[in-house]
Amino acid sequence: MREGAINLPNLITLLRIALIPVVLTLVFSGTPRSNVYAALVYTLAAVSDFLDGWLARRNGLITLLGRLLDPLADKLLVVSVLVFLIWMGRVPLQGVVASILIFSREFWVSSLRVLAMGEGVIVASRRSGKDKTALQMVALFALIMHHPYQLDFLFTRVEVDMNTVGLWLLYLSLIPAIASALQYSLLLFRPVDVD
């Protein structure tokens, strides 16, 4: 297992985990400039999620460690940043409720995967789970940016409150999060026909 585990996609996944403290340190500063830097590092970590999977599939480097580590790295990134933003007061009560639902979903699906693994079954990520992750990644990017920013569109200037955008995307991510949790549950607890 060790020989196949040390490959470029898995190293990129480990880099994603290593970038979490960097993002949190930059967010902690709280200035608009440090938030932009935190968002850039966070984006690098989020993009690495797509890069490691693409490289693994393209080069035939899909390993058991990679299948376990990749979703774990995603969960660590999302949960760490979200908990930190809640602690900093950037997420209001309704956002905290949404976050609790998100955390519950993550623990439930992870538990299902561990149960399946105990039976020798590796549960691959579902499309709805990937949609949930993508929405949460963009939501957290906006929450990290936090402040209102002026955006220029051709001949008009618009002020966008990134914290509000992030909260709405976080709420929206609950739809695929719950749908994917149901899919995983139905997949693993479907009735078996006995002859």
C-alpha atoms as a PDB file:
ATOM      1  CA  MET A   1       0.000   0.000   0.000  1.00  0.00           C
ATOM      2  CA  ARG A   2       2.856   2.404   0.809  1.00  0.00           C
ATOM      3  CA  GLU A   3       4.467   2.071  -2.642  1.00  0.00           C
ATOM      4  CA  GLY A   4       1.346   3.193  -4.503  1.00  0.00           C
ATOM      5  CA  ALA A   5       0.377   5.794  -1.917  1.00  0.00           C
ATOM      6  CA  ILE A   6       3.223   8.255  -2.449  1.00  0.00           C
ATOM      7  CA  ASN A   7       2.266   9.859  -5.732  1.00  0.00           C
ATOM      8  CA  LEU A   8       1.658  13.382  -7.003  1.00  0.00           C
ATOM      9  CA  PRO A   9      -2.159  13.409  -6.515  1.00  0.00           C
ATOM     10  CA  ASN A  10      -1.846  12.268  -2.893  1.00  0.00           C
ATOM     11  CA  LEU A  11       0.925  14.808  -2.224  1.00  0.00           C
ATOM     12  CA  ILE A  12      -1.353  17.546  -3.600  1.00  0.00           C
ATOM     13  CA  THR A  13      -4.100  16.327  -1.266  1.00  0.00           C
ATOM     14  CA  LEU A  14      -1.684  16.538   1.680  1.00  0.00           C
ATOM     15  CA  LEU A  15      -0.736  20.065   0.570  1.00  0.00           C
ATOM     16  CA  ARG A  16      -4.444  20.999   0.773  1.00  0.00           C
ATOM     17  CA  ILE A  17      -4.470  19.918   4.408  1.00  0.00           C
ATOM     18  CA  ALA A  18      -1.209  21.793   5.100  1.00  0.00           C
ATOM     19  CA  LEU A  19      -2.689  25.026   3.699  1.00  0.00           C
ATOM     20  CA  ILE A  20      -5.536  25.080   6.267  1.00  0.00           C
ATOM     21  CA  PRO A  21      -3.490  26.745   9.065  1.00  0.00           C
ATOM     22  CA  VAL A  22      -2.195  29.316   6.565  1.00  0.00           C
ATOM     23  CA  VAL A  23      -5.759  30.263   5.590  1.00  0.00           C
ATOM     24  CA  LEU A  24      -6.869  30.485   9.228  1.00  0.00           C
ATOM     25  CA  THR A  25      -3.884  32.630  10.205  1.00  0.00           C
ATOM     26  CA  LEU A  26      -4.606  35.097   7.397  1.00  0.00           C
ATOM     27  CA  VAL A  27      -8.339  35.189   8.201  1.00  0.00           C
ATOM     28  CA  PHE A  28      -7.546  35.879  11.849  1.00  0.00           C
ATOM     29  CA  SER A  29      -5.866  39.182  10.922  1.00  0.00           C
ATOM     30  CA  GLY A  30      -9.286  40.346   9.742  1.00  0.00           C
ATOM     31  CA  THR A  31      -8.158  43.172   7.460  1.00  0.00           C
ATOM     32  CA  PRO A  32      -9.524  43.430   3.919  1.00  0.00           C
ATOM     33  CA  ARG A  33      -6.007  42.815   2.553  1.00  0.00           C
ATOM     34  CA  SER A  34      -5.359  39.727   4.714  1.00  0.00           C
ATOM     35  CA  ASN A  35      -8.829  38.437   3.781  1.00  0.00           C
ATOM     36  CA  VAL A  36      -7.907  38.686   0.088  1.00  0.00           C
ATOM     37  CA  TYR A  37      -4.669  36.785   0.745  1.00  0.00           C
ATOM     38  CA  ALA A  38      -6.579  34.184   2.773  1.00  0.00           C
ATOM     39  CA  ALA A  39      -9.096  33.836  -0.067  1.00  0.00           C
ATOM     40  CA  LEU A  40      -6.257  33.339  -2.572  1.00  0.00           C
ATOM     41  CA  VAL A  41      -4.619  30.613  -0.460  1.00  0.00           C
ATOM     42  CA  TYR A  42      -8.043  29.068   0.124  1.00  0.00           C
ATOM     43  CA  THR A  43      -8.666  29.106  -3.650  1.00  0.00           C
ATOM     44  CA  LEU A  44      -5.346  27.338  -4.203  1.00  0.00           C
ATOM     45  CA  ALA A  45      -6.413  24.672  -1.706  1.00  0.00           C
ATOM     46  CA  ALA A  46      -9.868  24.338  -3.310  1.00  0.00           C
ATOM     47  CA  VAL A  47      -8.454  24.100  -6.846  1.00  0.00           C
ATOM     48  CA  SER A  48      -6.035  21.427  -5.669  1.00  0.00           C
ATOM     49  CA  ASP A  49      -9.127  19.293  -4.959  1.00  0.00           C
ATOM     50  CA  PHE A  50      -9.969  19.221  -8.648  1.00  0.00           C
ATOM     51  CA  LEU A  51      -6.328  18.951  -9.733  1.00  0.00           C
ATOM     52  CA  ASP A  52      -5.468  15.898  -7.620  1.00  0.00           C
ATOM     53  CA  GLY A  53      -8.542  13.997  -8.816  1.00  0.00           C
ATOM     54  CA  TRP A  54      -7.888  14.864 -12.459  1.00  0.00           C
ATOM     55  CA  LEU A  55      -4.226  13.812 -12.212  1.00  0.00           C
ATOM     56  CA  ALA A  56      -5.120  10.571 -10.445  1.00  0.00           C
ATOM     57  CA  ARG A  57      -7.681   9.600 -13.109  1.00  0.00           C
ATOM     58  CA  ARG A  58      -5.562  10.769 -16.046  1.00  0.00           C
ATOM     59  CA  ASN A  59      -2.414   8.915 -14.948  1.00  0.00           C
ATOM     60  CA  GLY A  60      -4.063   5.852 -13.420  1.00  0.00           C
ATOM     61  CA  LEU A  61      -2.848   6.799  -9.928  1.00  0.00           C
ATOM     62  CA  ILE A  62      -6.072   6.130  -8.040  1.00  0.00           C
ATOM     63  CA  THR A  63      -5.126   4.517  -4.736  1.00  0.00           C
ATOM     64  CA  LEU A  64      -6.996   3.406  -1.645  1.00  0.00           C
ATOM     65  CA  LEU A  65      -5.214   6.105   0.351  1.00  0.00           C
ATOM     66  CA  GLY A  66      -6.237   8.719  -2.212  1.00  0.00           C
ATOM     67  CA  ARG A  67      -9.875   7.626  -2.109  1.00  0.00           C
ATOM     68  CA  LEU A  68      -9.871   8.018   1.658  1.00  0.00           C
ATOM     69  CA  LEU A  69      -7.646  11.085   1.958  1.00  0.00           C
ATOM     70  CA  ASP A  70      -9.276  13.265  -0.731  1.00  0.00           C
ATOM     71  CA  PRO A  71     -12.764  13.502   0.850  1.00  0.00           C
ATOM     72  CA  LEU A  72     -11.148  13.817   4.300  1.00  0.00           C
ATOM     73  CA  ALA A  73      -9.067  16.787   3.101  1.00  0.00           C
ATOM     74  CA  ASP A  74     -12.211  18.432   1.687  1.00  0.00           C
ATOM     75  CA  LYS A  75     -14.059  17.979   4.957  1.00  0.00           C
ATOM     76  CA  LEU A  76     -11.117  19.272   7.018  1.00  0.00           C
ATOM     77  CA  LEU A  77     -10.843  22.374   4.826  1.00  0.00           C
ATOM     78  CA  VAL A  78     -14.563  23.181   4.904  1.00  0.00           C
ATOM     79  CA  VAL A  79     -15.161  22.372   8.577  1.00  0.00           C
ATOM     80  CA  SER A  80     -11.998  24.116   9.835  1.00  0.00           C
ATOM     81  CA  VAL A  81     -12.679  27.330   7.951  1.00  0.00           C
ATOM     82  CA  LEU A  82     -16.391  27.338   8.792  1.00  0.00           C
ATOM     83  CA  VAL A  83     -15.821  26.734  12.511  1.00  0.00           C
ATOM     84  CA  PHE A  84     -13.172  29.468  12.551  1.00  0.00           C
ATOM     85  CA  LEU A  85     -15.508  31.932  10.796  1.00  0.00           C
ATOM     86  CA  ILE A  86     -18.277  31.117  13.302  1.00  0.00           C
ATOM     87  CA  TRP A  87     -15.822  31.704  16.159  1.00  0.00           C
ATOM     88  CA  MET A  88     -14.869  35.068  14.617  1.00  0.00           C
ATOM     89  CA  GLY A  89     -18.542  36.072  14.497  1.00  0.00           C
ATOM     90  CA  ARG A  90     -18.787  36.239  10.703  1.00  0.00           C
ATOM     91  CA  VAL A  91     -21.632  33.738  10.597  1.00  0.00           C
ATOM     92  CA  PRO A  92     -24.994  34.713  12.218  1.00  0.00           C
ATOM     93  CA  LEU A  93     -27.314  32.338  14.080  1.00  0.00           C
ATOM     94  CA  GLN A  94     -29.132  31.025  10.993  1.00  0.00           C
ATOM     95  CA  GLY A  95     -25.703  30.389   9.436  1.00  0.00           C
ATOM     96  CA  VAL A  96     -24.697  28.478  12.554  1.00  0.00           C
ATOM     97  CA  VAL A  97     -27.817  26.302  12.187  1.00  0.00           C
ATOM     98  CA  ALA A  98     -26.920  25.667   8.528  1.00  0.00           C
ATOM     99  CA  SER A  99     -23.366  24.859   9.619  1.00  0.00           C
ATOM    100  CA  ILE A 100     -24.612  22.336  12.187  1.00  0.00           C
ATOM    101  CA  LEU A 101     -26.614  20.631   9.420  1.00  0.00           C
ATOM    102  CA  ILE A 102     -23.520  20.629   7.207  1.00  0.00           C
ATOM    103  CA  PHE A 103     -21.343  19.164   9.980  1.00  0.00           C
ATOM    104  CA  SER A 104     -23.984  16.528  10.769  1.00  0.00           C
ATOM    105  CA  ARG A 105     -24.148  15.561   7.104  1.00  0.00           C
ATOM    106  CA  GLU A 106     -20.341  15.261   6.912  1.00  0.00           C
ATOM    107  CA  PHE A 107     -20.153  13.028   9.995  1.00  0.00           C
ATOM    108  CA  TRP A 108     -23.082  10.906   8.799  1.00  0.00           C
ATOM    109  CA  VAL A 109     -21.640  10.319   5.329  1.00  0.00           C
ATOM    110  CA  SER A 110     -18.152   9.682   6.744  1.00  0.00           C
ATOM    111  CA  SER A 111     -19.646   7.120   9.140  1.00  0.00           C
ATOM    112  CA  LEU A 112     -21.450   5.422   6.279  1.00  0.00           C
ATOM    113  CA  ARG A 113     -18.210   5.258   4.310  1.00  0.00           C
ATOM    114  CA  VAL A 114     -16.379   3.695   7.264  1.00  0.00           C
ATOM    115  CA  LEU A 115     -19.172   1.114   7.662  1.00  0.00           C
ATOM    116  CA  ALA A 116     -19.006   0.323   3.956  1.00  0.00           C
ATOM    117  CA  MET A 117     -15.231   0.043   4.135  1.00  0.00           C
ATOM    118  CA  GLY A 118     -15.615  -2.447   6.971  1.00  0.00           C
ATOM    119  CA  GLU A 119     -17.592  -4.577   4.533  1.00  0.00           C
ATOM    120  CA  GLY A 120     -14.929  -4.171   1.860  1.00  0.00           C
ATOM    121  CA  VAL A 121     -16.885  -1.601  -0.171  1.00  0.00           C
ATOM    122  CA  ILE A 122     -15.376   1.724  -1.248  1.00  0.00           C
ATOM    123  CA  VAL A 123     -18.118   4.291  -1.802  1.00  0.00           C
ATOM    124  CA  ALA A 124     -17.180   6.708  -4.564  1.00  0.00           C
ATOM    125  CA  SER A 125     -18.256  10.336  -4.428  1.00  0.00           C
ATOM    126  CA  ARG A 126     -21.648  11.072  -5.974  1.00  0.00           C
ATOM    127  CA  ARG A 127     -22.424  14.013  -8.272  1.00  0.00           C
ATOM    128  CA  SER A 128     -24.616  15.684  -5.640  1.00  0.00           C
ATOM    129  CA  GLY A 129     -21.769  15.400  -3.128  1.00  0.00           C
ATOM    130  CA  LYS A 130     -19.422  17.103  -5.578  1.00  0.00           C
ATOM    131  CA  ASP A 131     -21.991  19.851  -6.207  1.00  0.00           C
ATOM    132  CA  LYS A 132     -22.314  20.336  -2.452  1.00  0.00           C
ATOM    133  CA  THR A 133     -18.543  20.629  -2.092  1.00  0.00           C
ATOM    134  CA  ALA A 134     -18.268  23.131  -4.956  1.00  0.00           C
ATOM    135  CA  LEU A 135     -21.037  25.344  -3.508  1.00  0.00           C
ATOM    136  CA  GLN A 136     -19.516  25.220  -0.043  1.00  0.00           C
ATOM    137  CA  MET A 137     -16.066  26.075  -1.395  1.00  0.00           C
ATOM    138  CA  VAL A 138     -17.420  29.169  -3.191  1.00  0.00           C
ATOM    139  CA  ALA A 139     -19.512  30.115  -0.138  1.00  0.00           C
ATOM    140  CA  LEU A 140     -16.466  29.934   2.119  1.00  0.00           C
ATOM    141  CA  PHE A 141     -14.423  31.965  -0.369  1.00  0.00           C
ATOM    142  CA  ALA A 142     -17.017  34.753  -0.110  1.00  0.00           C
ATOM    143  CA  LEU A 143     -17.213  34.446   3.695  1.00  0.00           C
ATOM    144  CA  ILE A 144     -13.423  34.688   3.912  1.00  0.00           C
ATOM    145  CA  MET A 145     -13.483  37.867   1.781  1.00  0.00           C
ATOM    146  CA  HIS A 146     -16.144  39.144   4.255  1.00  0.00           C
ATOM    147  CA  HIS A 147     -16.082  42.886   3.537  1.00  0.00           C
ATOM    148  CA  PRO A 148     -18.103  44.800   0.937  1.00  0.00           C
ATOM    149  CA  TYR A 149     -16.098  45.278  -2.274  1.00  0.00           C
ATOM    150  CA  GLN A 150     -16.608  47.547  -5.264  1.00  0.00           C
ATOM    151  CA  LEU A 151     -16.837  45.569  -8.514  1.00  0.00           C
ATOM    152  CA  ASP A 152     -16.624  47.279 -11.892  1.00  0.00           C
ATOM    153  CA  PHE A 153     -18.822  45.843 -14.663  1.00  0.00           C
ATOM    154  CA  LEU A 154     -18.238  47.634 -17.963  1.00  0.00           C
ATOM    155  CA  PHE A 155     -19.833  51.053 -17.336  1.00  0.00           C
ATOM    156  CA  THR A 156     -21.244  50.467 -13.881  1.00  0.00           C
ATOM    157  CA  ARG A 157     -19.869  49.928 -10.404  1.00  0.00           C
ATOM    158  CA  VAL A 158     -21.584  47.599  -7.931  1.00  0.00           C
ATOM    159  CA  GLU A 159     -20.899  47.150  -4.230  1.00  0.00           C
ATOM    160  CA  VAL A 160     -21.097  43.495  -3.228  1.00  0.00           C
ATOM    161  CA  ASP A 161     -21.273  42.413   0.403  1.00  0.00           C
ATOM    162  CA  MET A 162     -19.240  39.217   0.209  1.00  0.00           C
ATOM    163  CA  ASN A 163     -20.393  38.010   3.631  1.00  0.00           C
ATOM    164  CA  THR A 164     -24.051  38.091   2.516  1.00  0.00           C
ATOM    165  CA  VAL A 165     -23.186  36.320  -0.759  1.00  0.00           C
ATOM    166  CA  GLY A 166     -21.293  33.659   1.190  1.00  0.00           C
ATOM    167  CA  LEU A 167     -24.168  33.070   3.595  1.00  0.00           C
ATOM    168  CA  TRP A 168     -26.707  32.632   0.783  1.00  0.00           C
ATOM    169  CA  LEU A 169     -24.415  30.184  -1.029  1.00  0.00           C
ATOM    170  CA  LEU A 170     -23.930  28.302   2.247  1.00  0.00           C
ATOM    171  CA  TYR A 171     -27.716  28.004   2.641  1.00  0.00           C
ATOM    172  CA  LEU A 172     -28.024  26.898  -0.988  1.00  0.00           C
ATOM    173  CA  SER A 173     -25.392  24.201  -0.435  1.00  0.00           C
ATOM    174  CA  LEU A 174     -27.774  22.494   2.006  1.00  0.00           C
ATOM    175  CA  ILE A 175     -29.879  21.243  -0.938  1.00  0.00           C
ATOM    176  CA  PRO A 176     -27.200  19.019  -2.536  1.00  0.00           C
ATOM    177  CA  ALA A 177     -25.781  18.235   0.933  1.00  0.00           C
ATOM    178  CA  ILE A 178     -29.053  16.702   2.120  1.00  0.00           C
ATOM    179  CA  ALA A 179     -29.707  15.079  -1.280  1.00  0.00           C
ATOM    180  CA  SER A 180     -26.288  13.402  -1.300  1.00  0.00           C
ATOM    181  CA  ALA A 181     -26.691  12.222   2.311  1.00  0.00           C
ATOM    182  CA  LEU A 182     -29.970  10.583   1.307  1.00  0.00           C
ATOM    183  CA  GLN A 183     -28.339   9.012  -1.750  1.00  0.00           C
ATOM    184  CA  TYR A 184     -25.505   7.546   0.325  1.00  0.00           C
ATOM    185  CA  SER A 185     -27.980   6.288   2.939  1.00  0.00           C
ATOM    186  CA  LEU A 186     -30.235   4.654   0.346  1.00  0.00           C
ATOM    187  CA  LEU A 187     -27.232   3.157  -1.427  1.00  0.00           C
ATOM    188  CA  LEU A 188     -25.873   1.543   1.724  1.00  0.00           C
ATOM    189  CA  PHE A 189     -29.152   0.610   3.424  1.00  0.00           C
ATOM    190  CA  ARG A 190     -31.118  -0.601   0.420  1.00  0.00           C
ATOM    191  CA  PRO A 191     -33.042  -3.837   1.027  1.00  0.00           C
ATOM    192  CA  VAL A 192     -31.440  -7.026  -0.212  1.00  0.00           C
ATOM    193  CA  ASP A 193     -33.586  -9.625  -1.977  1.00  0.00           C
ATOM    194  CA  VAL A 194     -33.259 -13.048  -0.403  1.00  0.00           C
ATOM    195  CA  ASP A 195     -34.025 -16.106  -2.527  1.00  0.00           C
END
